[in-house]
């Protein structure tokens, strides 16, 4: 790496040394190479008890006009079921007691990145049996390390993750002064989805859109093959759900297999929907900031692809990797995040405006990830919006509504809700 400019060195010194005043960050010592770790069995005496319910017919609406059926987690039996699932937030030293209420084809929970007793790791055939439908299983462990983590179903991975069975897990440090302070915090969970996989079954379960098959006829042949393969594999389960009697082995519709296990469905995704917190641009939540503020962003990759998340207009300070403090925090405008990884970074409000934060990557057979149905802009993108910037002054949303990233695009009148006469936007050019 090259030598940091003087301004960078000054800001880094502020982040790790000065008191929190006027939007600065407080940390009395340079970040340690690891997060704080409690001795095994050490506890605060606090126990967080919760239930996680599963839906296998959860309608996901990433953006206007796109609606497909997936899975989802909820804290109550009647939902709401969401993608990602509910954020679980506890403190270092707390005990988590979580009961999974399984349905249908069966599920487990893996607590990604957590040190815990092996029997609660949630990996089918290795550390436990699959929890069958209409059954429960209780996981219990003590949070020994603070940081950004996540939880997800580990049955038939990555299929169940892709279809929405995951959520953020935040463990706050026992000593709040351990991490740099901030004014606002955002958790962004990335994941992608192949809307054609269940296209044949989609209509039967409430989806409005059979993937992209209708939008892109050229892709229809491949999409139908993938959907037919998946449908054949889950057909015995669907028949069992209808008749109440076992009629075959999940994944075995094509005949006996010469590998183990034959339980898994065949899953060959061709990703076409790219999301942040279950939404695609322009429906993503904007990152709001004011001049002089500092925000913390927790970035989780719950998908199967590598993403290059790039922020326009400023640099950010990367402070944590997979929950652990970095011995040497570094500045960047892009972070390359692989499947399952987490990064924490801080943004200082020192360049007022409206700035794009998006995936800069793509696949040769998929196209850009900041796109909807292969059309830019869309997908894995949001906005860093300064509330004290003139062009960000929008009327209050209607009751029950909230602002989305697309609302802050001055020259995009075609986006739903993004432009209305009288907002005072300048004429482009």
Protein backbone atom coordinates (compact mmCIF):
# COMPACT_ATOMS: atom_id res chain seq x y z
CA UNK A 1 0.00 0.00 0.00
CA UNK A 2 1.12 3.55 -0.67
CA UNK A 3 1.71 6.18 1.99
CA UNK A 4 -1.48 7.68 3.43
CA UNK A 5 -2.07 11.42 2.86
CA UNK A 6 -1.84 13.69 5.88
CA UNK A 7 -5.63 14.13 6.03
CA UNK A 8 -6.07 10.37 6.26
CA UNK A 9 -3.62 10.12 9.14
CA UNK A 10 -5.42 12.94 10.95
CA UNK A 11 -8.84 11.28 10.61
CA UNK A 12 -7.47 7.92 11.73
CA UNK A 13 -6.02 9.61 14.79
CA UNK A 14 -9.41 11.17 15.51
CA UNK A 15 -11.17 7.83 15.21
CA UNK A 16 -8.96 6.07 17.71
CA UNK A 17 -7.95 8.81 20.11
CA UNK A 18 -10.31 11.75 20.56
CA UNK A 19 -13.49 11.91 22.64
CA UNK A 20 -16.83 11.75 20.89
CA UNK A 21 -17.77 15.36 20.30
CA UNK A 22 -19.56 16.95 17.40
CA UNK A 23 -19.81 13.72 15.37
CA UNK A 24 -16.29 12.44 16.02
CA UNK A 25 -15.65 8.87 17.19
CA UNK A 26 -14.29 7.83 20.56
CA UNK A 27 -11.77 5.09 21.15
CA UNK A 28 -9.07 5.47 23.75
CA UNK A 29 -6.70 2.90 22.26
CA UNK A 30 -5.72 1.57 18.87
CA UNK A 31 -7.92 -1.35 17.78
CA UNK A 32 -6.74 -4.70 19.05
CA UNK A 33 -6.01 -7.48 16.55
CA UNK A 34 -8.98 -9.50 17.83
CA UNK A 35 -12.35 -8.80 19.34
CA UNK A 36 -12.72 -9.16 23.09
CA UNK A 37 -13.15 -12.78 24.11
CA UNK A 38 -14.75 -14.12 27.26
CA UNK A 39 -13.45 -17.23 28.95
CA UNK A 40 -15.61 -20.28 28.17
CA UNK A 41 -18.71 -20.24 30.33
CA UNK A 42 -18.39 -16.57 31.32
CA UNK A 43 -21.81 -14.95 31.31
CA UNK A 44 -23.50 -11.68 32.14
CA UNK A 45 -26.35 -13.65 33.64
CA UNK A 46 -28.73 -12.27 31.01
CA UNK A 47 -30.62 -14.71 28.77
CA UNK A 48 -32.37 -13.70 25.55
CA UNK A 49 -35.20 -16.11 24.77
CA UNK A 50 -36.84 -16.10 21.36
CA UNK A 51 -38.68 -18.28 18.86
CA UNK A 52 -37.92 -18.44 15.14
CA UNK A 53 -40.72 -19.59 12.85
CA UNK A 54 -40.29 -20.64 9.22
CA UNK A 55 -42.46 -20.03 6.18
CA UNK A 56 -41.94 -21.91 2.92
CA UNK A 57 -44.50 -19.80 1.04
CA UNK A 58 -43.31 -16.26 1.72
CA UNK A 59 -43.94 -13.81 -1.12
CA UNK A 60 -40.83 -11.68 -1.71
CA UNK A 61 -41.17 -8.35 -3.51
CA UNK A 62 -37.68 -7.00 -4.25
CA UNK A 63 -38.95 -4.13 -6.39
CA UNK A 64 -42.16 -2.89 -7.99
CA UNK A 65 -43.45 -5.41 -10.50
CA UNK A 66 -41.30 -8.25 -9.19
CA UNK A 67 -42.93 -10.78 -6.87
CA UNK A 68 -41.74 -14.35 -6.31
CA UNK A 69 -42.21 -17.03 -3.68
CA UNK A 70 -39.43 -17.83 -1.26
CA UNK A 71 -38.90 -18.67 2.40
CA UNK A 72 -38.72 -16.46 5.47
CA UNK A 73 -38.14 -16.24 9.23
CA UNK A 74 -40.40 -14.57 11.80
CA UNK A 75 -40.53 -14.17 15.57
CA UNK A 76 -44.22 -15.12 15.78
CA UNK A 77 -46.14 -17.97 14.13
CA UNK A 78 -48.21 -15.59 12.00
CA UNK A 79 -45.33 -13.44 10.87
CA UNK A 80 -44.52 -11.09 9.40
CA UNK A 81 -42.03 -13.34 7.61
CA UNK A 82 -39.18 -11.27 6.26
CA UNK A 83 -36.03 -11.50 4.17
CA UNK A 84 -33.62 -11.08 5.85
CA UNK A 85 -35.04 -12.58 9.01
CA UNK A 86 -35.33 -10.56 12.22
CA UNK A 87 -32.10 -9.00 13.45
CA UNK A 88 -30.98 -10.71 16.65
CA UNK A 89 -28.98 -8.37 18.88
CA UNK A 90 -27.46 -9.44 22.19
CA UNK A 91 -24.51 -8.40 24.35
CA UNK A 92 -21.20 -10.13 24.84
CA UNK A 93 -21.66 -12.53 27.75
CA UNK A 94 -25.41 -12.94 27.21
CA UNK A 95 -26.93 -16.36 26.62
CA UNK A 96 -29.16 -16.88 23.58
CA UNK A 97 -31.89 -19.50 23.82
CA UNK A 98 -33.57 -19.77 20.42
CA UNK A 99 -36.24 -22.32 19.53
CA UNK A 100 -36.65 -23.12 15.83
CA UNK A 101 -40.18 -24.07 14.76
CA UNK A 102 -39.58 -26.12 11.63
CA UNK A 103 -42.07 -26.77 8.82
CA UNK A 104 -42.34 -28.71 5.57
CA UNK A 105 -39.11 -30.14 4.28
CA UNK A 106 -37.24 -29.55 7.56
CA UNK A 107 -34.68 -26.98 8.66
CA UNK A 108 -31.83 -26.16 11.04
CA UNK A 109 -30.04 -23.00 12.14
CA UNK A 110 -26.32 -22.43 11.78
CA UNK A 111 -24.90 -19.53 13.82
CA UNK A 112 -22.30 -18.30 11.34
CA UNK A 113 -18.97 -17.36 12.94
CA UNK A 114 -20.02 -18.11 16.52
CA UNK A 115 -17.97 -20.15 18.99
CA UNK A 116 -20.48 -22.46 20.65
CA UNK A 117 -21.02 -26.08 21.73
CA UNK A 118 -20.67 -28.29 18.65
CA UNK A 119 -24.14 -29.84 18.97
CA UNK A 120 -25.70 -26.42 18.36
CA UNK A 121 -23.80 -25.70 15.14
CA UNK A 122 -26.81 -26.66 13.01
CA UNK A 123 -25.17 -28.69 10.22
CA UNK A 124 -27.37 -31.59 9.04
CA UNK A 125 -25.84 -35.08 9.12
CA UNK A 126 -22.76 -33.72 10.96
CA UNK A 127 -23.83 -32.09 14.21
CA UNK A 128 -27.56 -32.85 14.28
CA UNK A 129 -30.45 -34.35 12.38
CA UNK A 130 -32.66 -32.19 10.22
CA UNK A 131 -35.52 -30.82 12.32
CA UNK A 132 -38.60 -32.21 10.57
CA UNK A 133 -41.70 -30.17 9.84
CA UNK A 134 -44.00 -29.47 12.79
CA UNK A 135 -41.13 -30.06 15.22
CA UNK A 136 -38.98 -27.78 17.34
CA UNK A 137 -35.37 -27.66 18.44
CA UNK A 138 -33.81 -25.29 20.98
CA UNK A 139 -30.32 -23.85 20.51
CA UNK A 140 -28.55 -22.35 23.52
CA UNK A 141 -25.12 -20.75 23.70
CA UNK A 142 -23.27 -17.90 25.40
CA UNK A 143 -21.89 -15.03 23.31
CA UNK A 144 -18.15 -15.10 23.94
CA UNK A 145 -17.12 -12.59 21.26
CA UNK A 146 -18.60 -9.32 20.08
CA UNK A 147 -18.99 -8.48 16.41
CA UNK A 148 -21.09 -8.77 13.26
CA UNK A 149 -22.36 -12.29 12.53
CA UNK A 150 -25.38 -13.93 10.93
CA UNK A 151 -27.58 -17.01 11.17
CA UNK A 152 -29.02 -19.20 8.43
CA UNK A 153 -30.60 -22.53 7.65
CA UNK A 154 -27.98 -25.14 6.75
CA UNK A 155 -30.31 -27.67 5.14
CA UNK A 156 -29.69 -28.15 1.44
CA UNK A 157 -27.33 -25.18 1.43
CA UNK A 158 -27.21 -22.91 -0.42
CA UNK A 159 -30.80 -23.37 -1.59
CA UNK A 160 -32.52 -22.45 1.65
CA UNK A 161 -30.26 -19.43 2.12
CA UNK A 162 -30.95 -18.16 -1.38
CA UNK A 163 -34.68 -18.46 -0.75
CA UNK A 164 -34.48 -16.28 2.33
CA UNK A 165 -33.68 -18.29 5.48
CA UNK A 166 -31.02 -16.03 6.98
CA UNK A 167 -30.75 -12.99 9.21
CA UNK A 168 -28.21 -10.69 10.91
CA UNK A 169 -26.81 -11.47 14.34
CA UNK A 170 -25.15 -8.59 16.19
CA UNK A 171 -23.22 -9.11 19.42
CA UNK A 172 -22.45 -5.81 21.10
CA UNK A 173 -19.29 -5.54 23.23
CA UNK A 174 -19.65 -5.72 26.98
CA UNK A 175 -17.67 -2.47 27.13
CA UNK A 176 -19.34 0.02 24.73
CA UNK A 177 -16.11 2.00 24.53
CA UNK A 178 -14.36 -0.91 22.89
CA UNK A 179 -15.53 0.14 19.43
CA UNK A 180 -15.38 3.62 17.88
CA UNK A 181 -18.56 5.57 18.52
CA UNK A 182 -21.00 6.57 15.81
CA UNK A 183 -24.17 8.60 15.33
CA UNK A 184 -26.16 6.06 13.29
CA UNK A 185 -25.78 2.40 12.41
CA UNK A 186 -26.89 0.41 9.39
CA UNK A 187 -26.80 -3.35 8.78
CA UNK A 188 -26.77 -4.27 5.08
CA UNK A 189 -27.23 -7.92 4.17
CA UNK A 190 -26.48 -8.84 0.56
CA UNK A 191 -27.95 -11.80 -1.27
CA UNK A 192 -29.07 -12.88 -4.73
CA UNK A 193 -31.97 -14.98 -5.98
CA UNK A 194 -32.80 -17.04 -9.06
CA UNK A 195 -36.43 -16.20 -9.70
CA UNK A 196 -36.78 -18.98 -12.29
CA UNK A 197 -36.02 -21.89 -9.96
CA UNK A 198 -39.59 -22.28 -8.73
CA UNK A 199 -41.24 -20.60 -11.71
CA UNK A 200 -43.50 -23.57 -12.40
CA UNK A 201 -44.68 -23.73 -8.78
CA UNK A 202 -44.62 -19.98 -8.27
CA UNK A 203 -48.14 -19.19 -9.40
CA UNK A 204 -49.63 -21.90 -7.21
CA UNK A 205 -48.15 -20.29 -4.08
CA UNK A 206 -49.00 -16.65 -4.75
CA UNK A 207 -46.17 -15.23 -6.82
CA UNK A 208 -47.21 -12.67 -9.41
CA UNK A 209 -44.22 -13.12 -11.69
CA UNK A 210 -42.86 -16.45 -13.08
CA UNK A 211 -39.30 -15.29 -12.67
CA UNK A 212 -37.91 -13.47 -15.68
CA UNK A 213 -39.27 -16.04 -18.11
CA UNK A 214 -41.92 -13.67 -19.39
CA UNK A 215 -39.58 -10.69 -19.49
CA UNK A 216 -36.72 -12.40 -21.31
CA UNK A 217 -38.00 -15.03 -23.75
CA UNK A 218 -34.43 -15.74 -24.87
CA UNK A 219 -33.65 -16.99 -21.35
CA UNK A 220 -36.86 -18.97 -21.04
CA UNK A 221 -35.43 -22.31 -22.23
CA UNK A 222 -32.68 -22.40 -19.60
CA UNK A 223 -35.01 -21.08 -16.94
CA UNK A 224 -37.64 -23.71 -17.65
CA UNK A 225 -35.05 -26.48 -17.53
CA UNK A 226 -33.82 -25.28 -14.14
CA UNK A 227 -37.36 -24.85 -12.84
CA UNK A 228 -38.41 -28.28 -14.14
CA UNK A 229 -35.42 -29.93 -12.43
CA UNK A 230 -36.25 -28.28 -9.12
CA UNK A 231 -39.95 -29.03 -9.47
CA UNK A 232 -39.25 -32.72 -10.13
CA UNK A 233 -37.07 -32.91 -7.04
CA UNK A 234 -39.63 -31.31 -4.74
CA UNK A 235 -42.63 -33.05 -6.34
CA UNK A 236 -42.70 -35.88 -3.76
CA UNK A 237 -42.77 -33.33 -0.97
CA UNK A 238 -45.57 -31.34 -2.61
CA UNK A 239 -47.58 -34.53 -3.10
CA UNK A 240 -46.98 -35.51 0.51
CA UNK A 241 -48.18 -32.10 1.68
CA UNK A 242 -51.38 -32.54 -0.34
CA UNK A 243 -52.14 -36.19 0.44
CA UNK A 244 -50.58 -36.48 3.89
CA UNK A 245 -48.86 -39.74 2.89
CA UNK A 246 -45.16 -40.21 2.02
CA UNK A 247 -44.84 -40.75 -1.72
CA UNK A 248 -41.11 -40.69 -2.33
CA UNK A 249 -37.75 -39.26 -1.45
CA UNK A 250 -37.07 -35.56 -1.80
CA UNK A 251 -34.55 -35.21 -4.60
CA UNK A 252 -35.15 -38.70 -5.89
CA UNK A 253 -37.70 -38.03 -8.62
CA UNK A 254 -35.11 -38.62 -11.35
CA UNK A 255 -34.26 -42.07 -10.00
CA UNK A 256 -31.57 -43.45 -7.66
CA UNK A 257 -28.37 -41.47 -7.27
CA UNK A 258 -24.83 -42.73 -7.01
CA UNK A 259 -23.81 -40.17 -4.41
CA UNK A 260 -24.75 -39.23 -0.86
CA UNK A 261 -27.12 -37.85 0.17
CA UNK A 262 -30.04 -38.29 -2.19
CA UNK A 263 -32.03 -35.93 0.04
CA UNK A 264 -30.79 -32.74 -1.67
CA UNK A 265 -32.64 -31.19 -4.54
CA UNK A 266 -30.68 -30.32 -7.66
CA UNK A 267 -29.99 -26.62 -7.58
CA UNK A 268 -28.21 -24.80 -10.40
CA UNK A 269 -29.09 -21.13 -9.99
CA UNK A 270 -28.85 -18.50 -12.69
CA UNK A 271 -29.10 -15.42 -10.50
CA UNK A 272 -31.25 -12.59 -11.84
CA UNK A 273 -32.33 -10.69 -8.69
CA UNK A 274 -29.77 -8.90 -6.49
CA UNK A 275 -30.81 -7.45 -3.14
CA UNK A 276 -29.76 -5.47 -0.08
CA UNK A 277 -31.89 -6.36 2.94
CA UNK A 278 -34.34 -8.16 0.68
CA UNK A 279 -34.88 -5.19 -1.66
CA UNK A 280 -33.46 -4.22 -5.03
CA UNK A 281 -32.78 -0.64 -6.09
CA UNK A 282 -34.72 1.65 -6.26
CA UNK A 283 -36.63 0.08 -3.33
CA UNK A 284 -33.55 -0.21 -1.07
CA UNK A 285 -33.26 1.78 2.16
CA UNK A 286 -31.00 4.85 1.81
CA UNK A 287 -28.13 5.48 4.21
CA UNK A 288 -28.99 8.82 5.81
CA UNK A 289 -26.29 11.08 7.24
CA UNK A 290 -25.73 14.73 8.17
CA UNK A 291 -22.59 16.80 7.71
CA UNK A 292 -20.26 16.09 10.63
CA UNK A 293 -21.93 12.82 11.59
CA UNK A 294 -20.32 9.39 11.53
CA UNK A 295 -22.24 6.27 10.54
CA UNK A 296 -21.29 2.64 11.06
CA UNK A 297 -22.14 0.16 8.32
CA UNK A 298 -22.21 -3.57 9.02
CA UNK A 299 -21.96 -5.40 5.69
CA UNK A 300 -22.93 -9.09 5.52
CA UNK A 301 -22.72 -11.26 2.40
CA UNK A 302 -25.41 -13.93 2.74
CA UNK A 303 -25.21 -14.76 -0.95
CA UNK A 304 -23.13 -17.15 -3.03
CA UNK A 305 -21.38 -14.56 -5.20
CA UNK A 306 -18.46 -12.22 -4.57
CA UNK A 307 -19.50 -8.57 -4.49
CA UNK A 308 -17.46 -5.37 -4.82
CA UNK A 309 -19.36 -2.70 -2.90
CA UNK A 310 -18.23 0.76 -3.97
CA UNK A 311 -19.12 4.10 -2.34
CA UNK A 312 -19.02 7.27 -4.42
CA UNK A 313 -17.91 10.66 -3.16
CA UNK A 314 -15.83 9.69 -0.14
CA UNK A 315 -13.69 7.03 1.51
CA UNK A 316 -14.60 4.87 4.47
CA UNK A 317 -12.53 3.36 7.26
CA UNK A 318 -12.68 -0.45 7.42
CA UNK A 319 -12.38 -1.47 11.08
CA UNK A 320 -13.65 -5.07 11.41
CA UNK A 321 -13.49 -8.30 9.41
CA UNK A 322 -15.78 -11.23 10.33
CA UNK A 323 -16.48 -9.67 13.72
CA UNK A 324 -12.83 -9.10 14.60
CA UNK A 325 -11.17 -5.72 14.94
CA UNK A 326 -8.39 -5.14 12.48
CA UNK A 327 -4.96 -4.42 13.95
CA UNK A 328 -4.53 -1.86 11.17
CA UNK A 329 -7.78 -0.24 9.99
CA UNK A 330 -7.55 0.98 6.42
CA UNK A 331 -9.25 3.43 4.08
CA UNK A 332 -11.03 2.35 0.92
CA UNK A 333 -13.85 3.31 -1.40
CA UNK A 334 -14.60 -0.31 -2.31
CA UNK A 335 -14.71 -3.53 -0.32
CA UNK A 336 -14.55 -6.99 -1.89
CA UNK A 337 -16.76 -9.28 0.16
CA UNK A 338 -17.00 -13.02 -0.41
CA UNK A 339 -19.83 -15.41 0.52
CA UNK A 340 -20.35 -15.55 4.27
CA UNK A 341 -17.95 -12.69 5.01
CA UNK A 342 -18.65 -9.55 7.05
CA UNK A 343 -17.01 -6.15 7.06
CA UNK A 344 -17.67 -3.17 9.33
CA UNK A 345 -16.74 0.31 8.18
CA UNK A 346 -17.25 3.93 9.23
CA UNK A 347 -18.24 6.86 7.02
CA UNK A 348 -17.65 10.46 8.08
CA UNK A 349 -20.07 13.06 6.74
CA UNK A 350 -17.59 15.42 5.10
CA UNK A 351 -18.83 15.72 1.49
CA UNK A 352 -22.44 16.81 1.30
CA UNK A 353 -24.47 15.36 -1.54
CA UNK A 354 -26.31 12.28 -2.78
CA UNK A 355 -23.93 9.40 -3.45
CA UNK A 356 -24.28 5.99 -5.02
CA UNK A 357 -23.27 2.88 -3.05
CA UNK A 358 -23.46 -0.15 -5.30
CA UNK A 359 -21.98 -3.44 -6.38
CA UNK A 360 -19.35 -2.80 -9.04
CA UNK A 361 -19.22 -6.44 -10.09
CA UNK A 362 -21.01 -8.80 -12.39
CA UNK A 363 -20.82 -12.20 -14.04
CA UNK A 364 -20.12 -13.02 -17.65
CA UNK A 365 -23.26 -15.13 -17.84
CA UNK A 366 -25.35 -13.00 -15.48
CA UNK A 367 -24.53 -9.38 -16.23
CA UNK A 368 -24.13 -6.55 -13.75
CA UNK A 369 -25.30 -7.02 -10.18
CA UNK A 370 -26.55 -3.42 -9.92
CA UNK A 371 -29.39 -4.22 -12.31
CA UNK A 372 -32.98 -5.47 -12.37
CA UNK A 373 -33.75 -7.98 -15.09
CA UNK A 374 -30.32 -7.12 -16.55
CA UNK A 375 -31.21 -3.41 -16.81
CA UNK A 376 -29.25 -0.68 -14.97
CA UNK A 377 -29.77 0.88 -12.47
CA UNK A 378 -31.22 -1.59 -10.02
CA UNK A 379 -30.24 -4.58 -7.96
CA UNK A 380 -27.53 -4.31 -5.34
CA UNK A 381 -27.40 -0.55 -4.90
CA UNK A 382 -28.47 2.13 -2.45
CA UNK A 383 -27.68 5.79 -1.75
CA UNK A 384 -25.71 7.72 0.86
CA UNK A 385 -27.96 10.75 1.36
CA UNK A 386 -27.08 13.90 3.31
CA UNK A 387 -30.18 15.16 5.07
CA UNK A 388 -28.81 18.72 5.06
CA UNK A 389 -28.30 18.70 1.27
CA UNK A 390 -30.74 20.89 -0.66
CA UNK A 391 -31.75 18.23 -3.21
CA UNK A 392 -32.51 15.75 -0.43
CA UNK A 393 -35.27 17.91 1.06
CA UNK A 394 -38.37 15.86 0.25
CA UNK A 395 -41.89 16.12 1.66
CA UNK A 396 -42.66 13.76 4.51
CA UNK A 397 -43.83 10.36 3.26
CA UNK A 398 -47.44 9.34 3.57
CA UNK A 399 -48.46 7.62 6.85
CA UNK A 400 -47.25 4.04 6.88
CA UNK A 401 -44.78 4.72 4.06
CA UNK A 402 -41.04 5.30 4.11
CA UNK A 403 -38.47 6.82 1.81
CA UNK A 404 -36.54 4.53 -0.53
CA UNK A 405 -33.33 5.17 -2.46
CA UNK A 406 -35.17 5.86 -5.71
CA UNK A 407 -36.89 8.87 -4.10
CA UNK A 408 -33.54 10.67 -4.10
CA UNK A 409 -32.91 10.44 -7.86
CA UNK A 410 -33.67 13.96 -9.17
CA UNK A 411 -33.58 13.03 -12.85
CA UNK A 412 -35.45 9.73 -12.82
CA UNK A 413 -39.14 10.58 -13.22
CA UNK A 414 -39.95 7.05 -14.38
CA UNK A 415 -39.20 5.53 -10.98
CA UNK A 416 -42.20 5.08 -8.74
CA UNK A 417 -42.31 7.85 -6.15
CA UNK A 418 -38.95 9.31 -7.17
CA UNK A 419 -40.16 12.52 -8.77
CA UNK A 420 -43.10 14.84 -8.32
CA UNK A 421 -43.58 18.39 -9.63
CA UNK A 422 -42.76 21.07 -7.14
CA UNK A 423 -39.79 19.41 -5.47
CA UNK A 424 -37.54 22.12 -6.89
CA UNK A 425 -35.07 19.85 -8.62
CA UNK A 426 -32.87 21.62 -11.17
CA UNK A 427 -33.18 21.00 -14.88
CA UNK A 428 -30.50 18.57 -15.96
CA UNK A 429 -27.75 19.94 -18.13
